[in-house]
């Protein structure tokens, strides 16, 4: 629930930022929205999650319902750390640099959405609220990243 609220706040902040821009073009607005999502959702919070997982793998495993922590959790923690740092670098390196973090996180969250929906299909059916929460915190991020990347025009330019 916290991540869905965070996404809502970021989308409102990005909308205000875009509304206040003097030179408001679709590619520029899309880039601003991508930056808010990459830094505010995929960067800072995921950096905190990765560090938490590296420092206290037992509590992360218990909180997110994993089995006992082991090498695979450590591996994913370091991967998450790298992905979060890559997202934070978008503040400094814009333009085509956005492609890397946007693609990595879109694939990750798209896959996470499929995993969650498959898992819920194998267990008792999730409530509508749980499905909506999963989509809001995973699937919607994928949609926003892909649409933002396409609208920014970065995929069609070569730097």
N, C-alpha and C. Protein backbone atom coordinates (compact mmCIF):
# COMPACT_ATOMS: atom_id res chain seq x y z
N UNK A 1 0.81 -1.19 0.00
CA UNK A 1 0.00 0.00 0.00
C UNK A 1 0.86 1.26 0.00
N UNK A 2 2.00 1.20 0.70
CA UNK A 2 2.87 2.37 0.77
C UNK A 2 3.41 2.73 -0.61
N UNK A 3 3.73 1.71 -1.41
CA UNK A 3 4.28 1.98 -2.73
C UNK A 3 3.22 2.54 -3.67
N UNK A 4 1.98 2.12 -3.53
CA UNK A 4 0.90 2.68 -4.35
C UNK A 4 0.70 4.16 -4.00
N UNK A 5 0.75 4.48 -2.73
CA UNK A 5 0.64 5.88 -2.29
C UNK A 5 1.83 6.69 -2.79
N UNK A 6 3.02 6.12 -2.71
CA UNK A 6 4.21 6.79 -3.21
C UNK A 6 4.06 7.09 -4.70
N UNK A 7 3.57 6.12 -5.47
CA UNK A 7 3.37 6.33 -6.90
C UNK A 7 2.39 7.47 -7.15
N UNK A 8 1.31 7.50 -6.41
CA UNK A 8 0.31 8.56 -6.56
C UNK A 8 0.94 9.93 -6.30
N UNK A 9 1.71 10.05 -5.24
CA UNK A 9 2.38 11.31 -4.90
C UNK A 9 3.35 11.71 -6.01
N UNK A 10 4.10 10.74 -6.53
CA UNK A 10 5.05 11.05 -7.60
C UNK A 10 4.36 11.50 -8.88
N UNK A 11 3.23 10.86 -9.20
CA UNK A 11 2.49 11.26 -10.40
C UNK A 11 1.90 12.67 -10.26
N UNK A 12 1.44 13.00 -9.07
CA UNK A 12 0.94 14.35 -8.81
C UNK A 12 2.07 15.36 -8.91
N UNK A 13 3.21 15.04 -8.31
CA UNK A 13 4.37 15.96 -8.37
C UNK A 13 4.85 16.14 -9.80
N UNK A 14 4.91 15.06 -10.57
CA UNK A 14 5.33 15.16 -11.97
C UNK A 14 4.33 15.99 -12.77
N UNK A 15 3.05 15.82 -12.50
CA UNK A 15 2.02 16.60 -13.20
C UNK A 15 2.16 18.09 -12.91
N UNK A 16 2.42 18.42 -11.66
CA UNK A 16 2.61 19.83 -11.29
C UNK A 16 3.86 20.38 -11.97
N UNK A 17 4.93 19.60 -11.96
CA UNK A 17 6.17 20.01 -12.61
C UNK A 17 5.94 20.28 -14.09
N UNK A 18 5.26 19.37 -14.76
CA UNK A 18 4.98 19.54 -16.20
C UNK A 18 4.08 20.75 -16.43
N UNK A 19 3.08 20.95 -15.58
CA UNK A 19 2.16 22.09 -15.73
C UNK A 19 2.89 23.43 -15.59
N UNK A 20 3.95 23.46 -14.80
CA UNK A 20 4.69 24.70 -14.58
C UNK A 20 5.80 24.95 -15.61
N UNK A 21 6.03 23.99 -16.49
CA UNK A 21 7.08 24.14 -17.50
C UNK A 21 6.68 25.18 -18.55
N UNK A 22 7.65 25.99 -18.97
CA UNK A 22 7.37 26.99 -20.01
C UNK A 22 7.36 26.33 -21.38
N UNK A 23 8.37 25.56 -21.69
CA UNK A 23 8.46 24.86 -22.97
C UNK A 23 7.94 23.45 -22.78
N UNK A 24 6.62 23.30 -22.83
CA UNK A 24 6.00 22.02 -22.55
C UNK A 24 5.74 21.28 -23.86
N UNK A 25 6.60 20.30 -24.14
CA UNK A 25 6.40 19.45 -25.30
C UNK A 25 6.16 18.03 -24.79
N UNK A 26 5.58 17.21 -25.62
CA UNK A 26 5.32 15.83 -25.21
C UNK A 26 6.61 15.09 -24.84
N UNK A 27 7.66 15.15 -25.66
CA UNK A 27 8.89 14.46 -25.28
C UNK A 27 9.48 14.96 -23.95
N UNK A 28 9.45 16.26 -23.74
CA UNK A 28 10.00 16.82 -22.50
C UNK A 28 9.15 16.43 -21.30
N UNK A 29 7.83 16.48 -21.44
CA UNK A 29 6.94 16.08 -20.35
C UNK A 29 7.12 14.59 -20.03
N UNK A 30 7.26 13.77 -21.05
CA UNK A 30 7.47 12.33 -20.84
C UNK A 30 8.79 12.08 -20.12
N UNK A 31 9.83 12.85 -20.48
CA UNK A 31 11.12 12.69 -19.82
C UNK A 31 11.03 13.07 -18.33
N UNK A 32 10.31 14.14 -18.03
CA UNK A 32 10.12 14.55 -16.64
C UNK A 32 9.39 13.46 -15.86
N UNK A 33 8.34 12.91 -16.43
CA UNK A 33 7.60 11.83 -15.77
C UNK A 33 8.48 10.61 -15.56
N UNK A 34 9.29 10.27 -16.56
CA UNK A 34 10.22 9.15 -16.42
C UNK A 34 11.19 9.40 -15.27
N UNK A 35 11.70 10.62 -15.18
CA UNK A 35 12.64 10.94 -14.10
C UNK A 35 11.99 10.79 -12.73
N UNK A 36 10.76 11.26 -12.60
CA UNK A 36 10.08 11.12 -11.31
C UNK A 36 9.91 9.65 -10.93
N UNK A 37 9.53 8.83 -11.89
CA UNK A 37 9.33 7.40 -11.59
C UNK A 37 10.66 6.71 -11.34
N UNK A 38 11.65 6.98 -12.19
CA UNK A 38 12.94 6.31 -12.04
C UNK A 38 13.64 6.70 -10.74
N UNK A 39 13.62 7.96 -10.40
CA UNK A 39 14.32 8.41 -9.18
C UNK A 39 13.45 8.18 -7.94
N UNK A 40 12.19 8.60 -8.02
CA UNK A 40 11.32 8.57 -6.84
C UNK A 40 10.74 7.22 -6.50
N UNK A 41 10.64 6.33 -7.48
CA UNK A 41 10.05 5.01 -7.21
C UNK A 41 11.09 3.90 -7.36
N UNK A 42 11.86 3.94 -8.43
CA UNK A 42 12.83 2.87 -8.70
C UNK A 42 14.20 3.17 -8.10
N UNK A 43 14.46 4.41 -7.75
CA UNK A 43 15.76 4.80 -7.23
C UNK A 43 15.84 4.79 -5.73
N UNK A 44 15.38 5.86 -5.11
CA UNK A 44 15.54 6.04 -3.66
C UNK A 44 14.89 4.90 -2.84
N UNK A 45 13.60 4.59 -3.06
CA UNK A 45 13.01 3.52 -2.23
C UNK A 45 13.64 2.16 -2.46
N UNK A 46 13.98 1.85 -3.71
CA UNK A 46 14.56 0.54 -4.00
C UNK A 46 16.01 0.45 -3.51
N UNK A 47 16.69 1.59 -3.44
CA UNK A 47 18.01 1.63 -2.81
C UNK A 47 17.87 1.25 -1.34
N UNK A 48 16.87 1.81 -0.68
CA UNK A 48 16.63 1.48 0.72
C UNK A 48 16.29 0.00 0.90
N UNK A 49 15.46 -0.54 0.02
CA UNK A 49 15.09 -1.96 0.11
C UNK A 49 16.33 -2.84 -0.10
N UNK A 50 17.16 -2.49 -1.09
CA UNK A 50 18.34 -3.32 -1.35
C UNK A 50 19.31 -3.28 -0.17
N UNK A 51 19.52 -2.11 0.40
CA UNK A 51 20.42 -2.02 1.56
C UNK A 51 19.85 -2.77 2.76
N UNK A 52 18.54 -2.66 2.96
CA UNK A 52 17.88 -3.40 4.03
C UNK A 52 18.09 -4.90 3.83
N UNK A 53 17.93 -5.37 2.60
CA UNK A 53 18.10 -6.80 2.31
C UNK A 53 19.54 -7.25 2.51
N UNK A 54 20.50 -6.37 2.25
CA UNK A 54 21.90 -6.73 2.45
C UNK A 54 22.28 -6.73 3.92
N UNK A 55 21.70 -5.81 4.69
CA UNK A 55 22.02 -5.70 6.11
C UNK A 55 21.24 -6.70 6.95
N UNK A 56 19.99 -6.90 6.63
CA UNK A 56 19.12 -7.76 7.44
C UNK A 56 18.29 -8.70 6.55
N UNK A 57 18.94 -9.67 5.91
CA UNK A 57 18.21 -10.54 4.99
C UNK A 57 17.08 -11.33 5.65
N UNK A 58 17.24 -11.66 6.92
CA UNK A 58 16.19 -12.43 7.61
C UNK A 58 14.90 -11.63 7.71
N UNK A 59 15.01 -10.34 8.06
CA UNK A 59 13.80 -9.54 8.20
C UNK A 59 13.15 -9.26 6.85
N UNK A 60 13.95 -9.10 5.81
CA UNK A 60 13.38 -8.90 4.47
C UNK A 60 12.66 -10.16 4.00
N UNK A 61 13.30 -11.31 4.23
CA UNK A 61 12.68 -12.58 3.83
C UNK A 61 11.35 -12.78 4.56
N UNK A 62 11.31 -12.45 5.83
CA UNK A 62 10.07 -12.60 6.60
C UNK A 62 9.03 -11.58 6.15
N UNK A 63 9.43 -10.35 5.89
CA UNK A 63 8.49 -9.28 5.52
C UNK A 63 7.83 -9.55 4.17
N UNK A 64 8.63 -10.04 3.20
CA UNK A 64 8.11 -10.24 1.86
C UNK A 64 7.69 -11.69 1.59
N UNK A 65 7.73 -12.52 2.60
CA UNK A 65 7.23 -13.88 2.46
C UNK A 65 8.13 -14.82 1.69
N UNK A 66 9.43 -14.56 1.67
CA UNK A 66 10.37 -15.48 1.03
C UNK A 66 10.66 -16.62 1.99
N UNK A 67 11.30 -17.62 1.47
CA UNK A 67 11.80 -18.69 2.34
C UNK A 67 12.98 -18.16 3.12
N UNK A 68 13.71 -19.04 3.74
CA UNK A 68 14.88 -18.58 4.51
C UNK A 68 15.87 -17.87 3.58
N UNK A 69 16.50 -16.81 4.08
CA UNK A 69 17.43 -16.07 3.22
C UNK A 69 18.62 -16.95 2.86
N UNK A 70 19.13 -16.75 1.69
CA UNK A 70 20.27 -17.52 1.22
C UNK A 70 20.97 -16.77 0.11
N UNK A 71 21.78 -17.46 -0.65
CA UNK A 71 22.55 -16.80 -1.70
C UNK A 71 21.68 -16.12 -2.76
N UNK A 72 20.52 -16.67 -3.07
CA UNK A 72 19.69 -16.07 -4.11
C UNK A 72 19.16 -14.70 -3.67
N UNK A 73 18.80 -14.57 -2.38
CA UNK A 73 18.35 -13.27 -1.88
C UNK A 73 19.51 -12.27 -1.90
N UNK A 74 20.70 -12.72 -1.54
CA UNK A 74 21.87 -11.84 -1.59
C UNK A 74 22.15 -11.40 -3.02
N UNK A 75 22.06 -12.34 -3.96
CA UNK A 75 22.27 -12.01 -5.37
C UNK A 75 21.26 -10.95 -5.82
N UNK A 76 20.00 -11.17 -5.53
CA UNK A 76 18.97 -10.22 -5.93
C UNK A 76 19.13 -8.88 -5.22
N UNK A 77 19.64 -8.90 -4.00
CA UNK A 77 19.86 -7.64 -3.27
C UNK A 77 20.91 -6.79 -3.96
N UNK A 78 21.98 -7.43 -4.41
CA UNK A 78 23.01 -6.70 -5.14
C UNK A 78 22.51 -6.24 -6.51
N UNK A 79 21.73 -7.06 -7.18
CA UNK A 79 21.14 -6.65 -8.46
C UNK A 79 20.22 -5.46 -8.26
N UNK A 80 19.41 -5.52 -7.22
CA UNK A 80 18.50 -4.42 -6.88
C UNK A 80 19.29 -3.15 -6.58
N UNK A 81 20.39 -3.29 -5.87
CA UNK A 81 21.26 -2.16 -5.55
C UNK A 81 21.76 -1.51 -6.84
N UNK A 82 22.25 -2.32 -7.77
CA UNK A 82 22.74 -1.79 -9.04
C UNK A 82 21.64 -1.12 -9.84
N UNK A 83 20.46 -1.72 -9.86
CA UNK A 83 19.34 -1.14 -10.60
C UNK A 83 18.92 0.20 -9.98
N UNK A 84 18.90 0.26 -8.66
CA UNK A 84 18.52 1.50 -7.97
C UNK A 84 19.55 2.61 -8.24
N UNK A 85 20.83 2.27 -8.17
CA UNK A 85 21.87 3.26 -8.45
C UNK A 85 21.80 3.74 -9.89
N UNK A 86 21.53 2.84 -10.82
CA UNK A 86 21.37 3.22 -12.22
C UNK A 86 20.22 4.21 -12.38
N UNK A 87 19.14 3.99 -11.66
CA UNK A 87 18.00 4.90 -11.71
C UNK A 87 18.35 6.27 -11.15
N UNK A 88 19.12 6.29 -10.08
CA UNK A 88 19.52 7.57 -9.49
C UNK A 88 20.44 8.36 -10.41
N UNK A 89 21.21 7.68 -11.24
CA UNK A 89 22.09 8.36 -12.18
C UNK A 89 21.33 9.09 -13.28
N UNK A 90 20.05 8.80 -13.44
CA UNK A 90 19.27 9.50 -14.46
C UNK A 90 19.14 10.99 -14.15
N UNK A 91 19.32 11.37 -12.90
CA UNK A 91 19.30 12.79 -12.56
C UNK A 91 20.46 13.53 -13.23
N UNK A 92 21.58 12.85 -13.34
CA UNK A 92 22.77 13.46 -13.93
C UNK A 92 22.83 13.25 -15.45
N UNK A 93 22.57 12.04 -15.87
CA UNK A 93 22.68 11.69 -17.30
C UNK A 93 21.28 11.50 -17.84
N UNK A 94 20.85 12.39 -18.66
CA UNK A 94 19.49 12.31 -19.20
C UNK A 94 19.55 11.78 -20.61
N UNK A 95 18.61 12.14 -21.42
CA UNK A 95 18.61 11.73 -22.82
C UNK A 95 18.52 10.21 -22.97
N UNK A 96 19.37 9.67 -23.83
CA UNK A 96 19.29 8.24 -24.11
C UNK A 96 19.71 7.38 -22.93
N UNK A 97 20.34 7.97 -21.91
CA UNK A 97 20.68 7.22 -20.71
C UNK A 97 19.42 6.67 -20.02
N UNK A 98 18.29 7.33 -20.21
CA UNK A 98 17.04 6.89 -19.60
C UNK A 98 16.61 5.50 -20.10
N UNK A 99 17.05 5.13 -21.28
CA UNK A 99 16.62 3.85 -21.86
C UNK A 99 17.01 2.68 -20.97
N UNK A 100 18.25 2.66 -20.51
CA UNK A 100 18.73 1.53 -19.70
C UNK A 100 17.91 1.28 -18.45
N UNK A 101 17.83 2.25 -17.55
CA UNK A 101 17.06 2.02 -16.34
C UNK A 101 15.58 1.78 -16.60
N UNK A 102 15.02 2.47 -17.59
CA UNK A 102 13.59 2.28 -17.88
C UNK A 102 13.31 0.87 -18.37
N UNK A 103 14.17 0.35 -19.23
CA UNK A 103 13.97 -1.01 -19.75
C UNK A 103 14.18 -2.05 -18.63
N UNK A 104 15.23 -1.87 -17.84
CA UNK A 104 15.51 -2.83 -16.76
C UNK A 104 14.34 -2.90 -15.78
N UNK A 105 13.85 -1.75 -15.34
CA UNK A 105 12.76 -1.75 -14.37
C UNK A 105 11.44 -2.18 -14.99
N UNK A 106 11.20 -1.84 -16.26
CA UNK A 106 9.97 -2.27 -16.92
C UNK A 106 9.93 -3.80 -17.02
N UNK A 107 11.05 -4.40 -17.38
CA UNK A 107 11.11 -5.87 -17.46
C UNK A 107 10.95 -6.47 -16.06
N UNK A 108 11.64 -5.89 -15.08
CA UNK A 108 11.55 -6.41 -13.72
C UNK A 108 10.11 -6.35 -13.20
N UNK A 109 9.50 -5.17 -13.26
CA UNK A 109 8.15 -5.03 -12.72
C UNK A 109 7.11 -5.76 -13.57
N UNK A 110 7.31 -5.84 -14.87
CA UNK A 110 6.42 -6.63 -15.71
C UNK A 110 6.49 -8.10 -15.33
N UNK A 111 7.70 -8.60 -15.16
CA UNK A 111 7.87 -9.99 -14.72
C UNK A 111 7.31 -10.23 -13.33
N UNK A 112 7.52 -9.28 -12.43
CA UNK A 112 6.99 -9.41 -11.07
C UNK A 112 5.46 -9.47 -11.09
N UNK A 113 4.85 -8.69 -11.98
CA UNK A 113 3.39 -8.72 -12.11
C UNK A 113 2.93 -10.11 -12.53
N UNK A 114 3.59 -10.67 -13.54
CA UNK A 114 3.23 -12.01 -14.00
C UNK A 114 3.43 -13.06 -12.92
N UNK A 115 4.53 -12.96 -12.19
CA UNK A 115 4.80 -13.91 -11.11
C UNK A 115 3.71 -13.82 -10.04
N UNK A 116 3.37 -12.60 -9.64
CA UNK A 116 2.33 -12.43 -8.61
C UNK A 116 0.98 -12.96 -9.08
N UNK A 117 0.62 -12.67 -10.32
CA UNK A 117 -0.67 -13.14 -10.82
C UNK A 117 -0.68 -14.65 -10.98
N UNK A 118 0.44 -15.24 -11.40
CA UNK A 118 0.52 -16.70 -11.51
C UNK A 118 0.43 -17.35 -10.13
N UNK A 119 1.15 -16.76 -9.18
CA UNK A 119 1.13 -17.27 -7.81
C UNK A 119 -0.26 -17.19 -7.22
N UNK A 120 -0.97 -16.09 -7.47
CA UNK A 120 -2.32 -15.95 -6.91
C UNK A 120 -3.28 -16.92 -7.60
N UNK A 121 -3.02 -17.27 -8.85
CA UNK A 121 -3.86 -18.25 -9.54
C UNK A 121 -3.67 -19.65 -9.00
N UNK A 122 -2.47 -19.95 -8.51
CA UNK A 122 -2.18 -21.27 -7.95
C UNK A 122 -2.72 -21.42 -6.53
N UNK A 123 -2.86 -20.30 -5.83
CA UNK A 123 -3.44 -20.32 -4.49
C UNK A 123 -4.90 -19.91 -4.59
N UNK A 124 -5.48 -19.65 -3.46
CA UNK A 124 -6.85 -19.14 -3.46
C UNK A 124 -6.87 -17.81 -4.21
N UNK A 125 -7.94 -17.53 -4.88
CA UNK A 125 -8.02 -16.31 -5.69
C UNK A 125 -7.83 -15.08 -4.83
N UNK A 126 -7.07 -14.14 -5.35
CA UNK A 126 -6.87 -12.86 -4.66
C UNK A 126 -8.16 -12.04 -4.73
N UNK A 127 -8.34 -11.20 -3.76
CA UNK A 127 -9.46 -10.27 -3.82
C UNK A 127 -9.20 -9.24 -4.90
N UNK A 128 -10.23 -8.54 -5.30
CA UNK A 128 -10.05 -7.50 -6.31
C UNK A 128 -9.07 -6.44 -5.83
N UNK A 129 -9.12 -6.13 -4.54
CA UNK A 129 -8.21 -5.14 -3.97
C UNK A 129 -6.76 -5.58 -4.06
N UNK A 130 -6.49 -6.86 -3.81
CA UNK A 130 -5.12 -7.37 -3.88
C UNK A 130 -4.61 -7.35 -5.32
N UNK A 131 -5.47 -7.69 -6.26
CA UNK A 131 -5.08 -7.65 -7.68
C UNK A 131 -4.80 -6.22 -8.09
N UNK A 132 -5.65 -5.30 -7.66
CA UNK A 132 -5.45 -3.88 -7.99
C UNK A 132 -4.15 -3.36 -7.37
N UNK A 133 -3.88 -3.74 -6.13
CA UNK A 133 -2.65 -3.31 -5.47
C UNK A 133 -1.42 -3.85 -6.18
N UNK A 134 -1.48 -5.10 -6.61
CA UNK A 134 -0.36 -5.69 -7.36
C UNK A 134 -0.15 -4.94 -8.66
N UNK A 135 -1.24 -4.65 -9.36
CA UNK A 135 -1.10 -3.93 -10.62
C UNK A 135 -0.57 -2.52 -10.37
N UNK A 136 -1.06 -1.84 -9.34
CA UNK A 136 -0.66 -0.46 -9.06
C UNK A 136 0.81 -0.36 -8.70
N UNK A 137 1.34 -1.36 -8.02
CA UNK A 137 2.74 -1.28 -7.57
C UNK A 137 3.71 -2.00 -8.50
N UNK A 138 3.21 -2.74 -9.47
CA UNK A 138 4.09 -3.46 -10.38
C UNK A 138 3.74 -3.20 -11.84
N UNK A 139 2.56 -3.63 -12.24
CA UNK A 139 2.16 -3.53 -13.65
C UNK A 139 2.06 -2.11 -14.15
N UNK A 140 1.51 -1.23 -13.33
CA UNK A 140 1.36 0.16 -13.74
C UNK A 140 2.71 0.83 -13.93
N UNK A 141 3.68 0.47 -13.11
CA UNK A 141 5.03 1.01 -13.26
C UNK A 141 5.58 0.63 -14.63
N UNK A 142 5.37 -0.63 -15.01
CA UNK A 142 5.83 -1.09 -16.33
C UNK A 142 5.17 -0.28 -17.44
N UNK A 143 3.86 -0.10 -17.35
CA UNK A 143 3.13 0.67 -18.37
C UNK A 143 3.65 2.10 -18.42
N UNK A 144 3.81 2.74 -17.28
CA UNK A 144 4.28 4.13 -17.25
C UNK A 144 5.69 4.26 -17.81
N UNK A 145 6.56 3.31 -17.49
CA UNK A 145 7.93 3.38 -18.00
C UNK A 145 7.97 3.19 -19.51
N UNK A 146 7.22 2.23 -20.02
CA UNK A 146 7.23 1.97 -21.47
C UNK A 146 6.60 3.14 -22.23
N UNK A 147 5.44 3.60 -21.77
CA UNK A 147 4.78 4.73 -22.43
C UNK A 147 5.65 5.98 -22.34
N UNK A 148 6.23 6.23 -21.17
CA UNK A 148 7.11 7.39 -21.01
C UNK A 148 8.32 7.32 -21.92
N UNK A 149 8.89 6.15 -22.04
CA UNK A 149 10.05 5.97 -22.90
C UNK A 149 9.68 6.20 -24.37
N UNK A 150 8.55 5.66 -24.79
CA UNK A 150 8.10 5.86 -26.17
C UNK A 150 7.76 7.33 -26.43
N UNK A 151 7.06 7.96 -25.49
CA UNK A 151 6.64 9.36 -25.69
C UNK A 151 7.83 10.32 -25.61
N UNK A 152 8.88 9.94 -24.90
CA UNK A 152 10.04 10.82 -24.80
C UNK A 152 10.83 10.91 -26.10
N UNK A 153 10.62 9.94 -26.98
CA UNK A 153 11.33 9.93 -28.25
C UNK A 153 12.75 9.41 -28.16
N UNK A 154 13.17 8.97 -26.99
CA UNK A 154 14.54 8.50 -26.82
C UNK A 154 14.86 7.24 -27.62
N UNK A 155 13.86 6.43 -27.87
CA UNK A 155 14.09 5.20 -28.62
C UNK A 155 14.31 5.46 -30.11
N UNK A 156 13.90 6.63 -30.56
CA UNK A 156 14.02 6.93 -31.99
C UNK A 156 15.21 7.84 -32.30
N UNK A 157 15.91 8.30 -31.26
CA UNK A 157 17.08 9.16 -31.49
C UNK A 157 18.36 8.39 -31.18
N UNK A 158 19.43 8.80 -31.83
CA UNK A 158 20.74 8.20 -31.56
C UNK A 158 21.68 9.30 -31.13
N UNK A 159 22.26 9.14 -29.96
CA UNK A 159 23.22 10.15 -29.46
C UNK A 159 24.62 9.62 -29.57
